[in-house]
Amino acid sequence: MNIERYLRAIAGFFILLSVLLAHYHSSYWLFFTGFVGLNLLQSAFTNWCPMMTILKKLGVES
């Protein structure tokens, strides 16, 4: 898998996890969902995401 596929998988996991936490624990977890969504939106325009930097440092190929 390349870095873009890892990034989409991690973002999807974070969104699903935060929705489940909002349902079972506290609705404040929806702020995390919003943060992930905003981060995905800004990365569509800038082609940069903090998770991409982390994945590159871990050795994931582009």
N, C-alpha and C. Protein backbone atom coordinates (compact mmCIF):
# COMPACT_ATOMS: atom_id res chain seq x y z
N MET A 1 0.84 -1.19 0.00
CA MET A 1 0.00 0.00 0.00
C MET A 1 0.87 1.24 0.00
N ASN A 2 0.38 2.27 -0.66
CA ASN A 2 1.14 3.51 -0.67
C ASN A 2 0.59 4.47 0.40
N ILE A 3 1.21 5.63 0.51
CA ILE A 3 0.91 6.56 1.59
C ILE A 3 -0.53 7.10 1.50
N GLU A 4 -1.04 7.29 0.28
CA GLU A 4 -2.39 7.81 0.13
C GLU A 4 -3.44 6.82 0.63
N ARG A 5 -3.23 5.55 0.37
CA ARG A 5 -4.18 4.53 0.84
C ARG A 5 -4.13 4.39 2.35
N TYR A 6 -2.91 4.44 2.93
CA TYR A 6 -2.80 4.42 4.38
C TYR A 6 -3.52 5.62 4.99
N LEU A 7 -3.33 6.78 4.38
CA LEU A 7 -3.94 8.00 4.89
C LEU A 7 -5.46 7.90 4.89
N ARG A 8 -6.04 7.40 3.81
CA ARG A 8 -7.50 7.24 3.74
C ARG A 8 -7.98 6.21 4.77
N ALA A 9 -7.24 5.13 4.94
CA ALA A 9 -7.64 4.10 5.92
C ALA A 9 -7.59 4.65 7.34
N ILE A 10 -6.56 5.39 7.66
CA ILE A 10 -6.43 5.96 9.02
C ILE A 10 -7.52 6.99 9.27
N ALA A 11 -7.79 7.85 8.28
CA ALA A 11 -8.84 8.86 8.44
C ALA A 11 -10.20 8.19 8.62
N GLY A 12 -10.48 7.18 7.83
CA GLY A 12 -11.75 6.46 7.98
C GLY A 12 -11.87 5.81 9.34
N PHE A 13 -10.78 5.22 9.82
CA PHE A 13 -10.78 4.60 11.14
C PHE A 13 -11.04 5.64 12.23
N PHE A 14 -10.36 6.80 12.15
CA PHE A 14 -10.55 7.85 13.15
C PHE A 14 -12.00 8.35 13.15
N ILE A 15 -12.59 8.51 11.97
CA ILE A 15 -13.96 8.99 11.90
C ILE A 15 -14.92 7.98 12.51
N LEU A 16 -14.78 6.71 12.13
CA LEU A 16 -15.66 5.69 12.69
C LEU A 16 -15.48 5.56 14.20
N LEU A 17 -14.25 5.60 14.67
CA LEU A 17 -13.98 5.51 16.10
C LEU A 17 -14.60 6.68 16.85
N SER A 18 -14.45 7.89 16.33
CA SER A 18 -14.99 9.05 17.05
C SER A 18 -16.52 9.07 17.03
N VAL A 19 -17.14 8.57 15.96
CA VAL A 19 -18.60 8.47 15.94
C VAL A 19 -19.08 7.45 16.97
N LEU A 20 -18.40 6.33 17.06
CA LEU A 20 -18.76 5.33 18.08
C LEU A 20 -18.57 5.88 19.49
N LEU A 21 -17.46 6.59 19.71
CA LEU A 21 -17.23 7.18 21.02
C LEU A 21 -18.28 8.25 21.34
N ALA A 22 -18.69 9.02 20.33
CA ALA A 22 -19.73 10.02 20.55
C ALA A 22 -21.06 9.36 20.90
N HIS A 23 -21.34 8.24 20.29
CA HIS A 23 -22.61 7.55 20.55
C HIS A 23 -22.62 6.92 21.94
N TYR A 24 -21.53 6.28 22.33
CA TYR A 24 -21.51 5.52 23.58
C TYR A 24 -20.92 6.27 24.77
N HIS A 25 -20.16 7.33 24.52
CA HIS A 25 -19.48 7.99 25.64
C HIS A 25 -19.92 9.44 25.80
N SER A 26 -19.53 10.30 24.86
CA SER A 26 -19.83 11.72 24.98
C SER A 26 -19.92 12.34 23.59
N SER A 27 -20.88 13.22 23.41
CA SER A 27 -21.05 13.86 22.10
C SER A 27 -19.90 14.81 21.76
N TYR A 28 -19.08 15.12 22.73
CA TYR A 28 -17.92 15.99 22.46
C TYR A 28 -16.92 15.33 21.52
N TRP A 29 -16.98 14.01 21.36
CA TRP A 29 -16.10 13.33 20.41
C TRP A 29 -16.38 13.74 18.98
N LEU A 30 -17.54 14.34 18.73
CA LEU A 30 -17.84 14.81 17.37
C LEU A 30 -16.94 15.97 16.96
N PHE A 31 -16.36 16.67 17.92
CA PHE A 31 -15.36 17.69 17.58
C PHE A 31 -14.14 17.05 16.91
N PHE A 32 -13.76 15.88 17.39
CA PHE A 32 -12.65 15.16 16.76
C PHE A 32 -13.01 14.74 15.34
N THR A 33 -14.26 14.31 15.13
CA THR A 33 -14.73 13.97 13.80
C THR A 33 -14.63 15.19 12.88
N GLY A 34 -15.05 16.34 13.39
CA GLY A 34 -14.95 17.58 12.62
C GLY A 34 -13.52 17.95 12.31
N PHE A 35 -12.62 17.74 13.26
CA PHE A 35 -11.21 18.03 13.04
C PHE A 35 -10.64 17.17 11.93
N VAL A 36 -10.97 15.89 11.93
CA VAL A 36 -10.48 14.99 10.89
C VAL A 36 -11.05 15.42 9.53
N GLY A 37 -12.33 15.77 9.50
CA GLY A 37 -12.93 16.22 8.25
C GLY A 37 -12.30 17.50 7.73
N LEU A 38 -12.06 18.46 8.60
CA LEU A 38 -11.40 19.71 8.17
C LEU A 38 -9.98 19.45 7.69
N ASN A 39 -9.30 18.55 8.36
CA ASN A 39 -7.94 18.21 7.95
C ASN A 39 -7.93 17.57 6.56
N LEU A 40 -8.90 16.69 6.29
CA LEU A 40 -9.01 16.09 4.97
C LEU A 40 -9.32 17.14 3.91
N LEU A 41 -10.18 18.10 4.25
CA LEU A 41 -10.53 19.16 3.31
C LEU A 41 -9.33 20.03 2.99
N GLN A 42 -8.58 20.45 4.00
CA GLN A 42 -7.42 21.29 3.73
C GLN A 42 -6.34 20.52 2.98
N SER A 43 -6.22 19.22 3.23
CA SER A 43 -5.21 18.45 2.51
C SER A 43 -5.57 18.27 1.04
N ALA A 44 -6.85 18.36 0.71
CA ALA A 44 -7.26 18.29 -0.69
C ALA A 44 -6.75 19.50 -1.47
N PHE A 45 -6.65 20.65 -0.80
CA PHE A 45 -6.18 21.86 -1.46
C PHE A 45 -4.66 22.04 -1.37
N THR A 46 -4.06 21.61 -0.27
CA THR A 46 -2.63 21.86 -0.07
C THR A 46 -1.76 20.65 -0.36
N ASN A 47 -2.37 19.45 -0.49
CA ASN A 47 -1.65 18.20 -0.69
C ASN A 47 -0.66 17.94 0.45
N TRP A 48 -1.00 18.38 1.65
CA TRP A 48 -0.19 18.13 2.83
C TRP A 48 -1.10 17.82 4.01
N CYS A 49 -0.71 16.85 4.79
CA CYS A 49 -1.45 16.45 5.98
C CYS A 49 -0.42 16.02 7.03
N PRO A 50 -0.63 16.35 8.29
CA PRO A 50 0.33 15.93 9.32
C PRO A 50 0.54 14.42 9.36
N MET A 51 -0.50 13.64 9.09
CA MET A 51 -0.35 12.19 9.09
C MET A 51 0.56 11.72 7.97
N MET A 52 0.57 12.44 6.84
CA MET A 52 1.47 12.08 5.75
C MET A 52 2.93 12.22 6.19
N THR A 53 3.21 13.27 6.94
CA THR A 53 4.57 13.48 7.45
C THR A 53 4.96 12.34 8.38
N ILE A 54 4.04 11.94 9.25
CA ILE A 54 4.31 10.84 10.18
C ILE A 54 4.55 9.54 9.42
N LEU A 55 3.69 9.27 8.43
CA LEU A 55 3.84 8.03 7.66
C LEU A 55 5.15 8.01 6.86
N LYS A 56 5.57 9.16 6.33
CA LYS A 56 6.84 9.23 5.61
C LYS A 56 8.00 8.93 6.54
N LYS A 57 7.95 9.46 7.76
CA LYS A 57 9.00 9.19 8.73
C LYS A 57 9.04 7.73 9.16
N LEU A 58 7.89 7.07 9.08
CA LEU A 58 7.83 5.64 9.41
C LEU A 58 8.28 4.76 8.24
N GLY A 59 8.54 5.38 7.08
CA GLY A 59 9.09 4.64 5.96
C GLY A 59 8.08 4.15 4.96
N VAL A 60 6.84 4.66 4.99
CA VAL A 60 5.84 4.26 4.02
C VAL A 60 6.17 4.91 2.68
N GLU A 61 6.11 4.12 1.61
CA GLU A 61 6.48 4.66 0.30
C GLU A 61 5.36 5.49 -0.30
N SER A 62 5.74 6.49 -1.07
CA SER A 62 4.77 7.42 -1.69
C SER A 62 4.06 6.78 -2.87
